[in-house]
Amino acid sequence: MANRSAWAGGSLPGGGAFTQAFNAADLASLPQLSSVLSGIAFDNTVATLGTPDQFMDVSFVGAFTAAQTVASGAGIGLWLYTLAHDNVTYGGGRLVAGTQLAFSPLINSLGGIPVEPATGVTTFAGSTLGLTIPPRAFRLVLQNQTGFAFAATGCSCSISTYRQATNA
């Protein structure tokens, strides 16, 4: 039998399909350069399929309150905050789940999702692929780096998790 590997769908909610990573209220009217710790927690320590997930893709769809001119370099910043050994604290403990704060996270950066520069922008979307995730409980942190506040509705962020299945 030859050894080989293949992608396997995720053990976290969604099973490889996209699943909501933030509550709608978490992202509603998020000001420029404000961050929010997701109100949704993921536990990657107990895998329903026997092995914790290794990777995730993040997809974001956003909206502004009015047409805007988006400058080059605009985007969405992402961080991964793991659950500390006290089983209460995520990340550095400064962010409260679902509460927006003018704050720039410094730990566990995942990079981000660029927003293409253009004029007359009311909605935008993007994704980032193949982000490594640890076998830990975690929440995502999102920072608005677009230059404008998000609209009260129309913003969503989802993840899809997966792993390598060896000898598949």
N, C-alpha and C. Protein backbone atom coordinates (compact mmCIF):
# COMPACT_ATOMS: atom_id res chain seq x y z
N MET A 1 0.85 -1.17 0.00
CA MET A 1 0.00 0.00 0.00
C MET A 1 0.89 1.24 0.00
N ALA A 2 0.63 2.13 -0.90
CA ALA A 2 1.41 3.37 -1.01
C ALA A 2 0.92 4.39 0.01
N ASN A 3 1.85 5.13 0.55
CA ASN A 3 1.48 6.22 1.45
C ASN A 3 1.04 7.41 0.64
N ARG A 4 -0.01 8.07 1.07
CA ARG A 4 -0.47 9.28 0.41
C ARG A 4 -1.22 10.13 1.42
N SER A 5 -1.47 11.35 1.05
CA SER A 5 -2.25 12.22 1.93
C SER A 5 -3.30 12.95 1.10
N ALA A 6 -4.34 13.39 1.78
CA ALA A 6 -5.43 14.12 1.14
C ALA A 6 -6.01 15.09 2.15
N TRP A 7 -6.78 16.05 1.67
CA TRP A 7 -7.45 16.97 2.58
C TRP A 7 -8.67 16.28 3.16
N ALA A 8 -8.93 16.55 4.44
CA ALA A 8 -10.12 16.03 5.10
C ALA A 8 -10.91 17.20 5.68
N GLY A 9 -12.22 17.12 5.59
CA GLY A 9 -13.09 18.16 6.13
C GLY A 9 -12.91 18.33 7.62
N GLY A 10 -13.25 19.49 8.12
CA GLY A 10 -12.99 19.83 9.50
C GLY A 10 -13.86 19.14 10.53
N SER A 11 -13.35 19.08 11.75
CA SER A 11 -14.07 18.55 12.90
C SER A 11 -14.87 19.64 13.60
N LEU A 12 -14.45 20.89 13.45
CA LEU A 12 -15.15 22.00 14.09
C LEU A 12 -16.49 22.21 13.40
N PRO A 13 -17.41 22.97 13.98
CA PRO A 13 -18.73 23.17 13.36
C PRO A 13 -18.59 23.54 11.88
N GLY A 14 -19.44 22.97 11.07
CA GLY A 14 -19.40 23.20 9.64
C GLY A 14 -18.79 22.02 8.89
N GLY A 15 -17.94 21.23 9.57
CA GLY A 15 -17.37 20.04 8.95
C GLY A 15 -16.67 20.27 7.64
N GLY A 16 -15.99 21.38 7.49
CA GLY A 16 -15.29 21.71 6.24
C GLY A 16 -16.01 22.78 5.45
N ALA A 17 -17.31 22.96 5.68
CA ALA A 17 -18.05 24.05 5.06
C ALA A 17 -17.85 25.31 5.90
N PHE A 18 -18.17 26.47 5.36
CA PHE A 18 -18.02 27.70 6.14
C PHE A 18 -19.07 27.76 7.24
N THR A 19 -18.62 28.18 8.41
CA THR A 19 -19.50 28.36 9.56
C THR A 19 -19.21 29.72 10.18
N GLN A 20 -20.22 30.33 10.74
CA GLN A 20 -20.12 31.67 11.31
C GLN A 20 -19.03 31.73 12.38
N ALA A 21 -18.15 32.75 12.29
CA ALA A 21 -17.07 32.93 13.26
C ALA A 21 -17.32 34.11 14.20
N PHE A 22 -18.23 35.00 13.82
CA PHE A 22 -18.59 36.16 14.64
C PHE A 22 -20.11 36.31 14.64
N ASN A 23 -20.67 36.71 15.75
CA ASN A 23 -22.09 37.07 15.78
C ASN A 23 -22.27 38.37 15.01
N ALA A 24 -23.45 38.57 14.42
CA ALA A 24 -23.73 39.80 13.67
C ALA A 24 -23.52 41.03 14.54
N ALA A 25 -23.91 40.96 15.80
CA ALA A 25 -23.77 42.10 16.71
C ALA A 25 -22.30 42.43 16.98
N ASP A 26 -21.41 41.44 16.92
CA ASP A 26 -19.97 41.68 17.14
C ASP A 26 -19.42 42.68 16.13
N LEU A 27 -19.90 42.59 14.89
CA LEU A 27 -19.35 43.38 13.78
C LEU A 27 -20.17 44.63 13.47
N ALA A 28 -21.37 44.74 14.01
CA ALA A 28 -22.26 45.86 13.68
C ALA A 28 -21.65 47.20 14.04
N SER A 29 -21.55 48.08 13.05
CA SER A 29 -21.06 49.46 13.23
C SER A 29 -19.66 49.52 13.83
N LEU A 30 -18.81 48.52 13.57
CA LEU A 30 -17.45 48.50 14.11
C LEU A 30 -16.66 49.70 13.57
N PRO A 31 -16.20 50.59 14.46
CA PRO A 31 -15.46 51.78 14.00
C PRO A 31 -14.09 51.43 13.41
N GLN A 32 -13.56 52.32 12.63
CA GLN A 32 -12.21 52.21 12.09
C GLN A 32 -11.21 52.04 13.24
N LEU A 33 -10.28 51.11 13.09
CA LEU A 33 -9.22 50.79 14.04
C LEU A 33 -9.73 50.29 15.39
N SER A 34 -10.97 49.81 15.42
CA SER A 34 -11.48 49.13 16.61
C SER A 34 -11.43 47.63 16.36
N SER A 35 -11.30 46.88 17.46
CA SER A 35 -11.21 45.42 17.39
C SER A 35 -12.35 44.81 18.18
N VAL A 36 -12.66 43.56 17.86
CA VAL A 36 -13.67 42.83 18.61
C VAL A 36 -13.25 41.36 18.71
N LEU A 37 -13.36 40.82 19.93
CA LEU A 37 -13.14 39.40 20.18
C LEU A 37 -14.46 38.70 19.91
N SER A 38 -14.44 37.70 19.08
CA SER A 38 -15.67 37.02 18.68
C SER A 38 -16.45 36.49 19.88
N GLY A 39 -17.76 36.58 19.77
CA GLY A 39 -18.64 35.98 20.77
C GLY A 39 -18.78 34.47 20.57
N ILE A 40 -18.15 33.93 19.53
CA ILE A 40 -18.21 32.50 19.23
C ILE A 40 -16.85 31.86 19.51
N ALA A 41 -16.85 30.84 20.36
CA ALA A 41 -15.61 30.13 20.70
C ALA A 41 -15.57 28.80 19.94
N PHE A 42 -14.37 28.38 19.58
CA PHE A 42 -14.15 27.10 18.91
C PHE A 42 -13.24 26.25 19.77
N ASP A 43 -13.58 24.98 19.94
CA ASP A 43 -12.76 24.07 20.73
C ASP A 43 -12.11 23.06 19.80
N ASN A 44 -10.86 23.26 19.49
CA ASN A 44 -10.11 22.38 18.59
C ASN A 44 -9.32 21.34 19.37
N THR A 45 -9.70 21.08 20.64
CA THR A 45 -9.00 20.07 21.44
C THR A 45 -9.70 18.73 21.37
N VAL A 46 -10.99 18.73 21.12
CA VAL A 46 -11.77 17.50 21.04
C VAL A 46 -12.30 17.38 19.62
N ALA A 47 -11.71 16.51 18.87
CA ALA A 47 -12.08 16.36 17.46
C ALA A 47 -13.14 15.28 17.30
N THR A 48 -14.23 15.61 16.64
CA THR A 48 -15.28 14.63 16.41
C THR A 48 -14.84 13.54 15.45
N LEU A 49 -13.86 13.81 14.63
CA LEU A 49 -13.38 12.82 13.66
C LEU A 49 -12.04 12.23 14.07
N GLY A 50 -11.64 12.39 15.33
CA GLY A 50 -10.43 11.75 15.84
C GLY A 50 -9.18 12.59 15.83
N THR A 51 -9.11 13.62 14.99
CA THR A 51 -7.90 14.44 14.89
C THR A 51 -8.29 15.90 14.86
N PRO A 52 -7.66 16.74 15.68
CA PRO A 52 -7.96 18.19 15.61
C PRO A 52 -7.65 18.75 14.22
N ASP A 53 -8.34 19.81 13.89
CA ASP A 53 -8.09 20.47 12.61
C ASP A 53 -6.75 21.18 12.63
N GLN A 54 -6.15 21.34 11.45
CA GLN A 54 -4.83 21.96 11.33
C GLN A 54 -4.88 23.33 10.66
N PHE A 55 -5.86 23.54 9.81
CA PHE A 55 -5.89 24.75 8.99
C PHE A 55 -7.29 25.34 8.97
N MET A 56 -7.37 26.62 8.64
CA MET A 56 -8.66 27.24 8.40
C MET A 56 -8.54 28.30 7.32
N ASP A 57 -9.63 28.50 6.63
CA ASP A 57 -9.80 29.59 5.68
C ASP A 57 -10.78 30.56 6.33
N VAL A 58 -10.57 31.85 6.13
CA VAL A 58 -11.46 32.87 6.68
C VAL A 58 -12.06 33.66 5.53
N SER A 59 -13.37 33.84 5.56
CA SER A 59 -14.09 34.60 4.55
C SER A 59 -14.81 35.76 5.23
N PHE A 60 -14.73 36.94 4.62
CA PHE A 60 -15.38 38.13 5.19
C PHE A 60 -16.19 38.83 4.11
N VAL A 61 -17.39 39.25 4.47
CA VAL A 61 -18.23 40.09 3.62
C VAL A 61 -18.61 41.30 4.46
N GLY A 62 -18.37 42.51 3.92
CA GLY A 62 -18.62 43.72 4.70
C GLY A 62 -19.43 44.75 3.96
N ALA A 63 -19.89 45.73 4.72
CA ALA A 63 -20.68 46.82 4.15
C ALA A 63 -20.35 48.11 4.90
N PHE A 64 -20.38 49.22 4.16
CA PHE A 64 -20.23 50.55 4.74
C PHE A 64 -21.61 51.21 4.80
N THR A 65 -21.73 52.27 5.59
CA THR A 65 -23.01 52.97 5.72
C THR A 65 -23.33 53.79 4.47
N ALA A 66 -22.31 54.15 3.69
CA ALA A 66 -22.48 54.94 2.47
C ALA A 66 -21.33 54.61 1.53
N ALA A 67 -21.43 55.03 0.28
CA ALA A 67 -20.36 54.81 -0.69
C ALA A 67 -19.09 55.51 -0.22
N GLN A 68 -17.97 54.79 -0.26
CA GLN A 68 -16.69 55.32 0.22
C GLN A 68 -15.60 55.13 -0.84
N THR A 69 -14.55 55.90 -0.72
CA THR A 69 -13.35 55.71 -1.53
C THR A 69 -12.33 54.99 -0.67
N VAL A 70 -12.09 53.74 -0.98
CA VAL A 70 -11.18 52.90 -0.21
C VAL A 70 -9.77 53.07 -0.74
N ALA A 71 -8.85 53.40 0.16
CA ALA A 71 -7.46 53.63 -0.21
C ALA A 71 -6.67 52.32 -0.24
N SER A 72 -5.56 52.35 -0.94
CA SER A 72 -4.65 51.21 -0.98
C SER A 72 -4.17 50.91 0.43
N GLY A 73 -4.08 49.65 0.79
CA GLY A 73 -3.63 49.25 2.12
C GLY A 73 -4.76 48.99 3.09
N ALA A 74 -6.00 49.26 2.69
CA ALA A 74 -7.15 49.02 3.57
C ALA A 74 -7.40 47.53 3.70
N GLY A 75 -7.97 47.13 4.84
CA GLY A 75 -8.27 45.71 5.01
C GLY A 75 -8.88 45.38 6.35
N ILE A 76 -8.89 44.10 6.62
CA ILE A 76 -9.40 43.53 7.85
C ILE A 76 -8.23 42.81 8.51
N GLY A 77 -7.90 43.15 9.76
CA GLY A 77 -6.86 42.46 10.50
C GLY A 77 -7.46 41.31 11.29
N LEU A 78 -6.71 40.19 11.39
CA LEU A 78 -7.18 39.01 12.11
C LEU A 78 -6.14 38.50 13.09
N TRP A 79 -6.61 38.07 14.26
CA TRP A 79 -5.76 37.48 15.28
C TRP A 79 -6.45 36.25 15.83
N LEU A 80 -5.68 35.30 16.36
CA LEU A 80 -6.21 34.12 17.00
C LEU A 80 -5.87 34.18 18.48
N TYR A 81 -6.87 34.19 19.33
CA TYR A 81 -6.67 34.23 20.78
C TYR A 81 -7.02 32.87 21.35
N THR A 82 -6.03 32.18 21.91
CA THR A 82 -6.27 30.88 22.51
C THR A 82 -6.73 31.04 23.96
N LEU A 83 -7.39 30.01 24.44
CA LEU A 83 -7.87 29.99 25.82
C LEU A 83 -6.69 29.69 26.74
N ALA A 84 -6.49 30.52 27.76
CA ALA A 84 -5.39 30.35 28.71
C ALA A 84 -5.67 29.17 29.64
N HIS A 85 -4.67 28.79 30.39
CA HIS A 85 -4.78 27.64 31.30
C HIS A 85 -5.83 27.82 32.39
N ASP A 86 -6.29 29.06 32.61
CA ASP A 86 -7.33 29.28 33.62
C ASP A 86 -8.73 28.94 33.10
N ASN A 87 -8.82 28.57 31.82
CA ASN A 87 -10.08 28.21 31.16
C ASN A 87 -11.11 29.33 31.16
N VAL A 88 -10.64 30.59 31.24
CA VAL A 88 -11.52 31.75 31.22
C VAL A 88 -11.00 32.81 30.26
N THR A 89 -9.69 33.06 30.29
CA THR A 89 -9.07 34.17 29.58
C THR A 89 -8.66 33.78 28.16
N TYR A 90 -9.06 34.62 27.20
CA TYR A 90 -8.61 34.46 25.82
C TYR A 90 -7.58 35.54 25.51
N GLY A 91 -6.47 35.15 24.90
CA GLY A 91 -5.44 36.13 24.55
C GLY A 91 -4.87 36.78 25.79
N GLY A 92 -4.68 38.09 25.71
CA GLY A 92 -4.13 38.84 26.83
C GLY A 92 -5.16 39.25 27.87
N GLY A 93 -6.43 38.95 27.62
CA GLY A 93 -7.47 39.24 28.59
C GLY A 93 -8.07 40.63 28.52
N ARG A 94 -7.58 41.46 27.62
CA ARG A 94 -8.08 42.84 27.55
C ARG A 94 -9.41 42.95 26.82
N LEU A 95 -9.61 42.09 25.83
CA LEU A 95 -10.84 42.13 25.05
C LEU A 95 -11.91 41.24 25.68
N VAL A 96 -13.13 41.75 25.71
CA VAL A 96 -14.29 40.99 26.19
C VAL A 96 -15.07 40.54 24.97
N ALA A 97 -15.45 39.27 24.94
CA ALA A 97 -16.15 38.71 23.78
C ALA A 97 -17.37 39.55 23.41
N GLY A 98 -17.43 39.94 22.14
CA GLY A 98 -18.55 40.69 21.61
C GLY A 98 -18.53 42.18 21.89
N THR A 99 -17.53 42.67 22.61
CA THR A 99 -17.44 44.10 22.94
C THR A 99 -16.37 44.77 22.09
N GLN A 100 -16.76 45.79 21.35
CA GLN A 100 -15.83 46.52 20.48
C GLN A 100 -14.95 47.45 21.31
N LEU A 101 -13.67 47.54 20.93
CA LEU A 101 -12.73 48.37 21.66
C LEU A 101 -11.69 48.94 20.70
N ALA A 102 -11.36 50.23 20.86
CA ALA A 102 -10.28 50.84 20.09
C ALA A 102 -8.97 50.29 20.64
N PHE A 103 -8.48 49.22 20.03
CA PHE A 103 -7.37 48.45 20.56
C PHE A 103 -6.70 47.70 19.42
N SER A 104 -5.37 47.66 19.44
CA SER A 104 -4.62 46.91 18.43
C SER A 104 -3.97 45.70 19.08
N PRO A 105 -4.46 44.50 18.79
CA PRO A 105 -3.88 43.28 19.35
C PRO A 105 -2.42 43.13 18.93
N LEU A 106 -1.64 42.45 19.76
CA LEU A 106 -0.22 42.26 19.46
C LEU A 106 0.18 40.80 19.36
N ILE A 107 -0.68 39.87 19.83
CA ILE A 107 -0.27 38.47 19.87
C ILE A 107 -1.03 37.63 18.85
N ASN A 108 -0.37 36.63 18.30
CA ASN A 108 -0.95 35.63 17.41
C ASN A 108 -1.65 36.22 16.18
N SER A 109 -0.95 37.06 15.47
CA SER A 109 -1.49 37.65 14.25
C SER A 109 -1.68 36.58 13.17
N LEU A 110 -2.83 36.64 12.50
CA LEU A 110 -3.09 35.76 11.37
C LEU A 110 -2.93 36.49 10.04
N GLY A 111 -2.53 37.75 10.11
CA GLY A 111 -2.47 38.55 8.88
C GLY A 111 -3.79 39.24 8.68
N GLY A 112 -4.28 39.20 7.46
CA GLY A 112 -5.54 39.88 7.24
C GLY A 112 -6.11 39.63 5.87
N ILE A 113 -7.16 40.39 5.58
CA ILE A 113 -7.85 40.31 4.31
C ILE A 113 -7.82 41.70 3.69
N PRO A 114 -7.14 41.88 2.56
CA PRO A 114 -7.11 43.19 1.94
C PRO A 114 -8.45 43.56 1.31
N VAL A 115 -8.73 44.85 1.29
CA VAL A 115 -9.90 45.38 0.59
C VAL A 115 -9.36 46.14 -0.61
N GLU A 116 -9.84 45.78 -1.78
CA GLU A 116 -9.34 46.39 -3.01
C GLU A 116 -9.68 47.87 -3.05
N PRO A 117 -8.70 48.72 -3.39
CA PRO A 117 -8.97 50.16 -3.47
C PRO A 117 -9.91 50.46 -4.64
N ALA A 118 -10.87 51.34 -4.37
CA ALA A 118 -11.84 51.74 -5.41
C ALA A 118 -12.67 52.90 -4.89
N THR A 119 -13.41 53.53 -5.78
CA THR A 119 -14.33 54.59 -5.38
C THR A 119 -15.76 54.05 -5.42
N GLY A 120 -16.64 54.64 -4.63
CA GLY A 120 -18.04 54.26 -4.61
C GLY A 120 -18.29 52.90 -3.97
N VAL A 121 -17.43 52.48 -3.05
CA VAL A 121 -17.54 51.15 -2.44
C VAL A 121 -18.60 51.17 -1.33
N THR A 122 -19.59 50.30 -1.45
CA THR A 122 -20.59 50.13 -0.39
C THR A 122 -20.49 48.74 0.23
N THR A 123 -20.08 47.75 -0.56
CA THR A 123 -19.88 46.39 -0.05
C THR A 123 -18.53 45.88 -0.53
N PHE A 124 -17.98 44.95 0.21
CA PHE A 124 -16.69 44.38 -0.14
C PHE A 124 -16.60 42.97 0.43
N ALA A 125 -15.68 42.19 -0.09
CA ALA A 125 -15.52 40.81 0.37
C ALA A 125 -14.08 40.38 0.13
N GLY A 126 -13.67 39.35 0.85
CA GLY A 126 -12.34 38.80 0.66
C GLY A 126 -12.15 37.59 1.54
N SER A 127 -11.02 36.93 1.34
CA SER A 127 -10.72 35.75 2.14
C SER A 127 -9.21 35.59 2.29
N THR A 128 -8.84 34.78 3.24
CA THR A 128 -7.45 34.39 3.42
C THR A 128 -7.46 32.89 3.67
N LEU A 129 -6.48 32.19 3.11
CA LEU A 129 -6.52 30.74 3.05
C LEU A 129 -5.34 30.08 3.76
N GLY A 130 -5.56 28.86 4.23
CA GLY A 130 -4.48 28.03 4.75
C GLY A 130 -3.84 28.51 6.03
N LEU A 131 -4.62 29.12 6.92
CA LEU A 131 -4.07 29.61 8.19
C LEU A 131 -3.94 28.43 9.16
N THR A 132 -2.79 28.31 9.80
CA THR A 132 -2.55 27.23 10.75
C THR A 132 -3.28 27.51 12.05
N ILE A 133 -3.96 26.50 12.58
CA ILE A 133 -4.63 26.63 13.87
C ILE A 133 -4.10 25.57 14.83
N PRO A 134 -4.00 25.92 16.12
CA PRO A 134 -3.46 24.97 17.10
C PRO A 134 -4.55 24.04 17.64
N PRO A 135 -4.15 22.96 18.28
CA PRO A 135 -5.13 22.08 18.92
C PRO A 135 -5.53 22.65 20.28
N ARG A 136 -6.14 23.79 20.27
CA ARG A 136 -6.54 24.53 21.47
C ARG A 136 -7.92 25.13 21.25
N ALA A 137 -8.56 25.54 22.33
CA ALA A 137 -9.79 26.32 22.23
C ALA A 137 -9.37 27.74 21.86
N PHE A 138 -10.14 28.38 20.97
CA PHE A 138 -9.75 29.72 20.53
C PHE A 138 -10.96 30.53 20.10
N ARG A 139 -10.75 31.84 20.01
CA ARG A 139 -11.68 32.79 19.42
C ARG A 139 -10.87 33.66 18.47
N LEU A 140 -11.51 34.21 17.48
CA LEU A 140 -10.85 35.14 16.56
C LEU A 140 -11.07 36.57 17.02
N VAL A 141 -10.10 37.41 16.69
CA VAL A 141 -10.22 38.86 16.89
C VAL A 141 -10.16 39.48 15.50
N LEU A 142 -11.03 40.43 15.26
CA LEU A 142 -11.08 41.14 13.98
C LEU A 142 -10.92 42.62 14.24
N GLN A 143 -10.09 43.29 13.43
CA GLN A 143 -9.92 44.74 13.53
C GLN A 143 -10.29 45.37 12.19
N ASN A 144 -11.08 46.43 12.25
CA ASN A 144 -11.47 47.18 11.07
C ASN A 144 -10.34 48.13 10.69
N GLN A 145 -9.70 47.86 9.56
CA GLN A 145 -8.61 48.69 9.04
C GLN A 145 -8.97 49.24 7.65
N THR A 146 -10.28 49.43 7.41
CA THR A 146 -10.74 49.86 6.10
C THR A 146 -10.67 51.37 5.90
N GLY A 147 -10.65 52.13 7.00
CA GLY A 147 -10.69 53.59 6.92
C GLY A 147 -12.06 54.15 7.24
N PHE A 148 -13.07 53.27 7.36
CA PHE A 148 -14.45 53.71 7.59
C PHE A 148 -15.15 52.73 8.54
N ALA A 149 -16.17 53.21 9.24
CA ALA A 149 -16.95 52.33 10.11
C ALA A 149 -17.76 51.35 9.27
N PHE A 150 -17.99 50.16 9.81
CA PHE A 150 -18.87 49.20 9.16
C PHE A 150 -20.31 49.65 9.31
N ALA A 151 -21.16 49.18 8.42
CA ALA A 151 -22.60 49.42 8.54
C ALA A 151 -23.15 48.61 9.71
N ALA A 152 -24.35 48.96 10.15
CA ALA A 152 -24.98 48.25 11.27
C ALA A 152 -25.38 46.83 10.87
N THR A 153 -25.59 46.59 9.59
CA THR A 153 -25.92 45.25 9.10
C THR A 153 -25.11 44.96 7.84
N GLY A 154 -25.06 43.70 7.46
CA GLY A 154 -24.40 43.34 6.20
C GLY A 154 -22.96 42.89 6.33
N CYS A 155 -22.46 42.74 7.56
CA CYS A 155 -21.08 42.27 7.76
C CYS A 155 -21.12 40.86 8.36
N SER A 156 -20.31 39.97 7.80
CA SER A 156 -20.21 38.62 8.34
C SER A 156 -18.81 38.07 8.12
N CYS A 157 -18.41 37.20 9.03
CA CYS A 157 -17.10 36.56 8.94
C CYS A 157 -17.29 35.09 9.29
N SER A 158 -16.77 34.21 8.43
CA SER A 158 -16.93 32.77 8.62
C SER A 158 -15.59 32.07 8.45
N ILE A 159 -15.50 30.86 9.03
CA ILE A 159 -14.30 30.04 8.86
C ILE A 159 -14.69 28.67 8.34
N SER A 160 -13.75 28.05 7.67
CA SER A 160 -13.86 26.66 7.22
C SER A 160 -12.57 25.98 7.68
N THR A 161 -12.69 24.88 8.41
CA THR A 161 -11.48 24.20 8.92
C THR A 161 -11.29 22.86 8.23
N TYR A 162 -10.03 22.40 8.23
CA TYR A 162 -9.69 21.13 7.59
C TYR A 162 -8.33 20.67 8.08
N ARG A 163 -7.94 19.49 7.65
CA ARG A 163 -6.66 18.91 8.07
C ARG A 163 -6.17 17.96 6.97
N GLN A 164 -4.93 17.53 7.12
CA GLN A 164 -4.39 16.53 6.20
C GLN A 164 -4.75 15.15 6.74
N ALA A 165 -5.22 14.30 5.88
CA ALA A 165 -5.50 12.91 6.24
C ALA A 165 -4.42 12.07 5.58
N THR A 166 -3.55 11.48 6.37
CA THR A 166 -2.47 10.66 5.79
C THR A 166 -2.96 9.25 5.54
N ASN A 167 -2.37 8.62 4.54
CA ASN A 167 -2.74 7.28 4.10
C ASN A 167 -4.22 7.19 3.75
N ALA A 168 -4.74 8.28 3.17
CA ALA A 168 -6.16 8.31 2.81
C ALA A 168 -6.44 7.44 1.62
